Amino acid sequence: MAQINSATGANRILSAAAPRYVTSAATKKAYRALKNAYSNQNSWTKRINTNIKRLQKMGDFDPRKSAYYQNAYHSLRQVYQKAGQQDMKAALTAAAANTGGYGNSYGATAGNEALQARLSELAAKVPGIYQAAEGEFTNRKNNLANVISRQQAAQKEQIEKAKFALTTAQALDKAHYDAAKYADSAARNQALQWWARYIAAVR
């Protein structure tokens, strides 16, 4: 700090205005960012609530409402029914050939057994289809729940980041103010000491 060695220098320091607290451009920007974060909170809340309602509406797994299950089941059913009908025709043809071309109860029974065998194979596949459909349904529910969790985290993180940025900017403003105030106080103390010595010397 420069030494004060004149009444003019002392008067200049003692009459100068005290340092003012200045809100920096960074702090003003942080204020706006926090305000926007709180405004966005409503938007986040709407999206989160919409997804929560979707999750609640899904309820428990129901194969009658599962497009995955219905499509898989009907596709497989068509395959086995077609194969069963072909087997039934083959059994009827074989029975007719054995009886000189005449249909009989044996042929009808054999044909029906061939069809039922295929339908039994289909029935054996149903638990696997059910499990796969239920797994797909569970995955969709879990994915939606994860989306909600990420949205909630993003909502909170956006506000916390904005708060932290504002607090940091305000701390820097205060540090600059405190430094200026300390320097000003030190200069005023030195000026007062010099002025006191000066007055004592000129009396």
Foldseek 3Di string as FASTA:
>chain_A
DDADDDLVLLCVLQPDDFDDQDQDPLLVVLVVLLVVLVVCLVVLVVVLVVLVVVLVVLPADDLVPQPQLVVVLVVLVVVLQVQLQVQLVVLQVVVCVVVVNDGDVNSNVRSVVSSVVSVVVSVVCNVVSVVVSNVVSVVVSVVSVVVSVVSVVVSVVSNVVSVVSNVVSVVVSVVVSVVSNVVSVVSNVSSVVSVVVVVVVVD
